[in-house]
Amino acid sequence: MEHQESKYHRAATRVATIKKFYGKLGSFLLFGIIFLGLNYYTNGLRHPWFLWIVGFWGLGIAIEAFKIFGTEILFGKNWEERKIKEEMNKEENNRSTWL
């Protein structure tokens, strides 16, 4: 019973962390658009200062995403095994079309 509770607690914590990340991502997008509009309104984007804000903030968001999701963002679990099977299937399909 205690093991089940600890699994639930870890899962609930992870979901809360992901929810918080998505909130930060939404804020990043909203404020990025606001800064873009403000920059356009003040000088017509002749001096795109908003790119500095969005760039560094985006870097922070990317680092946080990597900490939360790790390499799952790019490759996911069992990526290498899936790709090997996919390549084997491609080779088998190519071989069968020539026979």
N, C-alpha and C. Protein backbone atom coordinates (compact mmCIF):
# COMPACT_ATOMS: atom_id res chain seq x y z
N MET A 1 0.83 -1.19 0.00
CA MET A 1 0.00 0.00 0.00
C MET A 1 0.87 1.27 0.00
N GLU A 2 1.93 1.23 0.79
CA GLU A 2 2.81 2.39 0.88
C GLU A 2 3.53 2.63 -0.45
N HIS A 3 3.88 1.55 -1.14
CA HIS A 3 4.53 1.67 -2.43
C HIS A 3 3.61 2.37 -3.44
N GLN A 4 2.34 2.03 -3.40
CA GLN A 4 1.35 2.63 -4.31
C GLN A 4 1.21 4.13 -4.03
N GLU A 5 1.23 4.50 -2.76
CA GLU A 5 1.12 5.92 -2.40
C GLU A 5 2.33 6.71 -2.88
N SER A 6 3.52 6.12 -2.77
CA SER A 6 4.72 6.83 -3.21
C SER A 6 4.73 6.98 -4.73
N LYS A 7 4.25 5.95 -5.45
CA LYS A 7 4.14 6.06 -6.90
C LYS A 7 3.16 7.16 -7.28
N TYR A 8 2.04 7.22 -6.54
CA TYR A 8 1.04 8.26 -6.81
C TYR A 8 1.63 9.63 -6.54
N HIS A 9 2.36 9.76 -5.45
CA HIS A 9 2.95 11.05 -5.09
C HIS A 9 3.95 11.50 -6.15
N ARG A 10 4.81 10.58 -6.62
CA ARG A 10 5.78 10.93 -7.66
C ARG A 10 5.07 11.33 -8.96
N ALA A 11 4.03 10.59 -9.32
CA ALA A 11 3.29 10.91 -10.54
C ALA A 11 2.59 12.26 -10.42
N ALA A 12 2.00 12.52 -9.26
CA ALA A 12 1.32 13.81 -9.04
C ALA A 12 2.31 14.96 -9.08
N THR A 13 3.50 14.75 -8.53
CA THR A 13 4.53 15.79 -8.55
C THR A 13 4.98 16.06 -9.98
N ARG A 14 5.17 14.99 -10.76
CA ARG A 14 5.60 15.16 -12.16
C ARG A 14 4.54 15.90 -12.96
N VAL A 15 3.27 15.54 -12.76
CA VAL A 15 2.18 16.22 -13.48
C VAL A 15 2.13 17.69 -13.10
N ALA A 16 2.32 18.00 -11.82
CA ALA A 16 2.33 19.40 -11.37
C ALA A 16 3.49 20.15 -12.01
N THR A 17 4.65 19.51 -12.12
CA THR A 17 5.81 20.14 -12.75
C THR A 17 5.56 20.41 -14.22
N ILE A 18 4.97 19.45 -14.92
CA ILE A 18 4.66 19.63 -16.34
C ILE A 18 3.62 20.73 -16.53
N LYS A 19 2.61 20.76 -15.66
CA LYS A 19 1.58 21.81 -15.73
C LYS A 19 2.20 23.19 -15.53
N LYS A 20 3.12 23.30 -14.57
CA LYS A 20 3.80 24.57 -14.32
C LYS A 20 4.64 24.98 -15.53
N PHE A 21 5.30 24.00 -16.17
CA PHE A 21 6.09 24.28 -17.36
C PHE A 21 5.21 24.80 -18.49
N TYR A 22 4.07 24.18 -18.71
CA TYR A 22 3.17 24.65 -19.77
C TYR A 22 2.64 26.06 -19.49
N GLY A 23 2.45 26.39 -18.22
CA GLY A 23 2.07 27.75 -17.87
C GLY A 23 3.16 28.74 -18.23
N LYS A 24 4.41 28.36 -17.93
CA LYS A 24 5.55 29.22 -18.28
C LYS A 24 5.68 29.36 -19.79
N LEU A 25 5.45 28.27 -20.51
CA LEU A 25 5.53 28.31 -21.97
C LEU A 25 4.44 29.23 -22.54
N GLY A 26 3.24 29.17 -21.99
CA GLY A 26 2.17 30.06 -22.42
C GLY A 26 2.50 31.52 -22.14
N SER A 27 3.07 31.79 -20.97
CA SER A 27 3.49 33.16 -20.64
C SER A 27 4.56 33.64 -21.59
N PHE A 28 5.50 32.76 -21.93
CA PHE A 28 6.56 33.11 -22.86
C PHE A 28 5.97 33.51 -24.21
N LEU A 29 5.03 32.73 -24.71
CA LEU A 29 4.42 33.05 -26.00
C LEU A 29 3.62 34.35 -25.94
N LEU A 30 2.82 34.51 -24.90
CA LEU A 30 2.00 35.72 -24.76
C LEU A 30 2.88 36.97 -24.65
N PHE A 31 3.87 36.94 -23.76
CA PHE A 31 4.71 38.12 -23.59
C PHE A 31 5.63 38.34 -24.78
N GLY A 32 6.01 37.27 -25.46
CA GLY A 32 6.79 37.44 -26.69
C GLY A 32 6.01 38.23 -27.73
N ILE A 33 4.73 37.93 -27.87
CA ILE A 33 3.87 38.66 -28.81
C ILE A 33 3.68 40.10 -28.34
N ILE A 34 3.51 40.29 -27.04
CA ILE A 34 3.35 41.65 -26.49
C ILE A 34 4.62 42.47 -26.74
N PHE A 35 5.79 41.90 -26.47
CA PHE A 35 7.05 42.61 -26.71
C PHE A 35 7.26 42.91 -28.19
N LEU A 36 6.88 41.97 -29.04
CA LEU A 36 6.97 42.21 -30.48
C LEU A 36 6.09 43.39 -30.87
N GLY A 37 4.86 43.41 -30.39
CA GLY A 37 3.96 44.53 -30.69
C GLY A 37 4.47 45.85 -30.16
N LEU A 38 5.00 45.83 -28.94
CA LEU A 38 5.55 47.05 -28.34
C LEU A 38 6.76 47.55 -29.12
N ASN A 39 7.61 46.62 -29.53
CA ASN A 39 8.78 46.99 -30.32
C ASN A 39 8.35 47.56 -31.68
N TYR A 40 7.37 46.96 -32.29
CA TYR A 40 6.88 47.45 -33.57
C TYR A 40 6.24 48.84 -33.41
N TYR A 41 5.49 49.02 -32.33
CA TYR A 41 4.82 50.29 -32.09
C TYR A 41 5.83 51.41 -31.82
N THR A 42 6.91 51.11 -31.09
CA THR A 42 7.85 52.17 -30.72
C THR A 42 8.80 52.56 -31.84
N ASN A 43 9.29 51.58 -32.62
CA ASN A 43 10.25 51.96 -33.65
C ASN A 43 10.11 51.17 -34.95
N GLY A 44 8.99 50.51 -35.16
CA GLY A 44 8.76 49.81 -36.42
C GLY A 44 9.73 48.67 -36.68
N LEU A 45 10.26 48.09 -35.64
CA LEU A 45 11.22 46.97 -35.73
C LEU A 45 12.54 47.35 -36.39
N ARG A 46 12.85 48.66 -36.42
CA ARG A 46 14.17 49.05 -36.94
C ARG A 46 15.27 48.57 -36.00
N HIS A 47 14.99 48.54 -34.71
CA HIS A 47 15.92 48.03 -33.70
C HIS A 47 15.17 46.94 -32.92
N PRO A 48 15.28 45.69 -33.35
CA PRO A 48 14.48 44.62 -32.74
C PRO A 48 15.01 44.17 -31.37
N TRP A 49 14.84 45.03 -30.36
CA TRP A 49 15.31 44.72 -29.02
C TRP A 49 14.54 43.57 -28.40
N PHE A 50 13.31 43.33 -28.86
CA PHE A 50 12.51 42.26 -28.28
C PHE A 50 13.15 40.89 -28.50
N LEU A 51 14.00 40.76 -29.54
CA LEU A 51 14.66 39.48 -29.81
C LEU A 51 15.60 39.07 -28.67
N TRP A 52 16.21 40.05 -28.01
CA TRP A 52 17.07 39.73 -26.87
C TRP A 52 16.26 39.12 -25.74
N ILE A 53 15.13 39.73 -25.46
CA ILE A 53 14.28 39.22 -24.37
C ILE A 53 13.77 37.84 -24.71
N VAL A 54 13.19 37.70 -25.90
CA VAL A 54 12.61 36.43 -26.33
C VAL A 54 13.70 35.35 -26.46
N GLY A 55 14.88 35.74 -26.93
CA GLY A 55 15.96 34.78 -27.09
C GLY A 55 16.44 34.19 -25.78
N PHE A 56 16.74 35.05 -24.81
CA PHE A 56 17.23 34.55 -23.53
C PHE A 56 16.13 33.83 -22.75
N TRP A 57 14.92 34.35 -22.81
CA TRP A 57 13.79 33.70 -22.14
C TRP A 57 13.54 32.34 -22.79
N GLY A 58 13.61 32.28 -24.10
CA GLY A 58 13.43 31.03 -24.82
C GLY A 58 14.51 30.01 -24.46
N LEU A 59 15.74 30.48 -24.28
CA LEU A 59 16.81 29.60 -23.87
C LEU A 59 16.51 29.00 -22.49
N GLY A 60 16.01 29.82 -21.60
CA GLY A 60 15.62 29.34 -20.27
C GLY A 60 14.50 28.31 -20.35
N ILE A 61 13.52 28.56 -21.21
CA ILE A 61 12.42 27.61 -21.41
C ILE A 61 12.96 26.30 -21.98
N ALA A 62 13.87 26.38 -22.93
CA ALA A 62 14.44 25.17 -23.54
C ALA A 62 15.23 24.36 -22.50
N ILE A 63 15.98 25.02 -21.65
CA ILE A 63 16.74 24.32 -20.62
C ILE A 63 15.79 23.65 -19.64
N GLU A 64 14.73 24.35 -19.26
CA GLU A 64 13.76 23.75 -18.35
C GLU A 64 13.05 22.57 -18.99
N ALA A 65 12.73 22.67 -20.28
CA ALA A 65 12.09 21.56 -20.98
C ALA A 65 13.01 20.35 -21.01
N PHE A 66 14.29 20.58 -21.22
CA PHE A 66 15.24 19.47 -21.24
C PHE A 66 15.35 18.83 -19.86
N LYS A 67 15.29 19.65 -18.78
CA LYS A 67 15.35 19.10 -17.43
C LYS A 67 14.11 18.28 -17.12
N ILE A 68 12.95 18.71 -17.62
CA ILE A 68 11.71 18.01 -17.32
C ILE A 68 11.56 16.76 -18.19
N PHE A 69 11.74 16.91 -19.49
CA PHE A 69 11.48 15.81 -20.41
C PHE A 69 12.74 15.04 -20.79
N GLY A 70 13.90 15.60 -20.56
CA GLY A 70 15.15 14.93 -20.90
C GLY A 70 15.26 14.71 -22.39
N THR A 71 15.84 13.59 -22.76
CA THR A 71 16.00 13.29 -24.18
C THR A 71 14.72 12.75 -24.79
N GLU A 72 13.67 12.56 -23.99
CA GLU A 72 12.40 12.07 -24.52
C GLU A 72 11.81 13.04 -25.53
N ILE A 73 12.15 14.32 -25.42
CA ILE A 73 11.63 15.30 -26.36
C ILE A 73 12.10 14.97 -27.77
N LEU A 74 13.36 14.63 -27.91
CA LEU A 74 13.91 14.38 -29.23
C LEU A 74 13.73 12.93 -29.67
N PHE A 75 14.05 12.01 -28.79
CA PHE A 75 14.09 10.62 -29.20
C PHE A 75 13.03 9.74 -28.55
N GLY A 76 12.59 10.07 -27.37
CA GLY A 76 11.60 9.25 -26.69
C GLY A 76 12.20 7.94 -26.20
N LYS A 77 11.37 7.19 -25.50
CA LYS A 77 11.83 5.90 -25.00
C LYS A 77 11.89 4.90 -26.13
N ASN A 78 12.87 4.06 -26.07
CA ASN A 78 13.04 2.97 -27.04
C ASN A 78 13.17 3.48 -28.48
N TRP A 79 13.66 4.69 -28.66
CA TRP A 79 13.78 5.26 -29.99
C TRP A 79 14.70 4.42 -30.87
N GLU A 80 15.82 4.03 -30.30
CA GLU A 80 16.80 3.28 -31.08
C GLU A 80 16.22 1.94 -31.55
N GLU A 81 15.51 1.26 -30.69
CA GLU A 81 14.90 -0.02 -31.07
C GLU A 81 13.87 0.16 -32.17
N ARG A 82 13.05 1.20 -32.06
CA ARG A 82 12.02 1.47 -33.08
C ARG A 82 12.67 1.77 -34.42
N LYS A 83 13.74 2.55 -34.42
CA LYS A 83 14.42 2.89 -35.67
C LYS A 83 15.07 1.67 -36.30
N ILE A 84 15.64 0.79 -35.49
CA ILE A 84 16.24 -0.44 -36.03
C ILE A 84 15.17 -1.28 -36.69
N LYS A 85 14.03 -1.45 -36.02
CA LYS A 85 12.93 -2.23 -36.62
C LYS A 85 12.42 -1.57 -37.89
N GLU A 86 12.33 -0.25 -37.88
CA GLU A 86 11.87 0.47 -39.07
C GLU A 86 12.82 0.25 -40.24
N GLU A 87 14.11 0.34 -39.98
CA GLU A 87 15.10 0.12 -41.04
C GLU A 87 15.06 -1.32 -41.54
N MET A 88 14.86 -2.26 -40.64
CA MET A 88 14.75 -3.67 -41.05
C MET A 88 13.53 -3.87 -41.94
N ASN A 89 12.42 -3.24 -41.58
CA ASN A 89 11.20 -3.34 -42.39
C ASN A 89 11.39 -2.70 -43.75
N LYS A 90 12.09 -1.57 -43.80
CA LYS A 90 12.36 -0.93 -45.09
C LYS A 90 13.19 -1.84 -45.98
N GLU A 91 14.22 -2.42 -45.38
CA GLU A 91 15.08 -3.31 -46.15
C GLU A 91 14.30 -4.53 -46.65
N GLU A 92 13.45 -5.07 -45.80
CA GLU A 92 12.64 -6.22 -46.19
C GLU A 92 11.66 -5.85 -47.30
N ASN A 93 11.05 -4.69 -47.21
CA ASN A 93 10.11 -4.24 -48.24
C ASN A 93 10.82 -3.98 -49.56
N ASN A 94 12.02 -3.41 -49.51
CA ASN A 94 12.79 -3.17 -50.73
C ASN A 94 13.19 -4.47 -51.39
N ARG A 95 13.56 -5.43 -50.57
CA ARG A 95 13.97 -6.73 -51.09
C ARG A 95 12.78 -7.44 -51.73
N SER A 96 11.60 -7.32 -51.13
CA SER A 96 10.43 -8.02 -51.67
C SER A 96 9.93 -7.38 -52.97
N THR A 97 10.18 -6.09 -53.16
CA THR A 97 9.72 -5.44 -54.40
C THR A 97 10.60 -5.85 -55.58
N TRP A 98 11.84 -6.24 -55.33
CA TRP A 98 12.74 -6.64 -56.40
C TRP A 98 12.62 -8.12 -56.74
N LEU A 99 11.96 -8.89 -55.89
CA LEU A 99 11.85 -10.32 -56.15
C LEU A 99 10.65 -10.66 -56.98
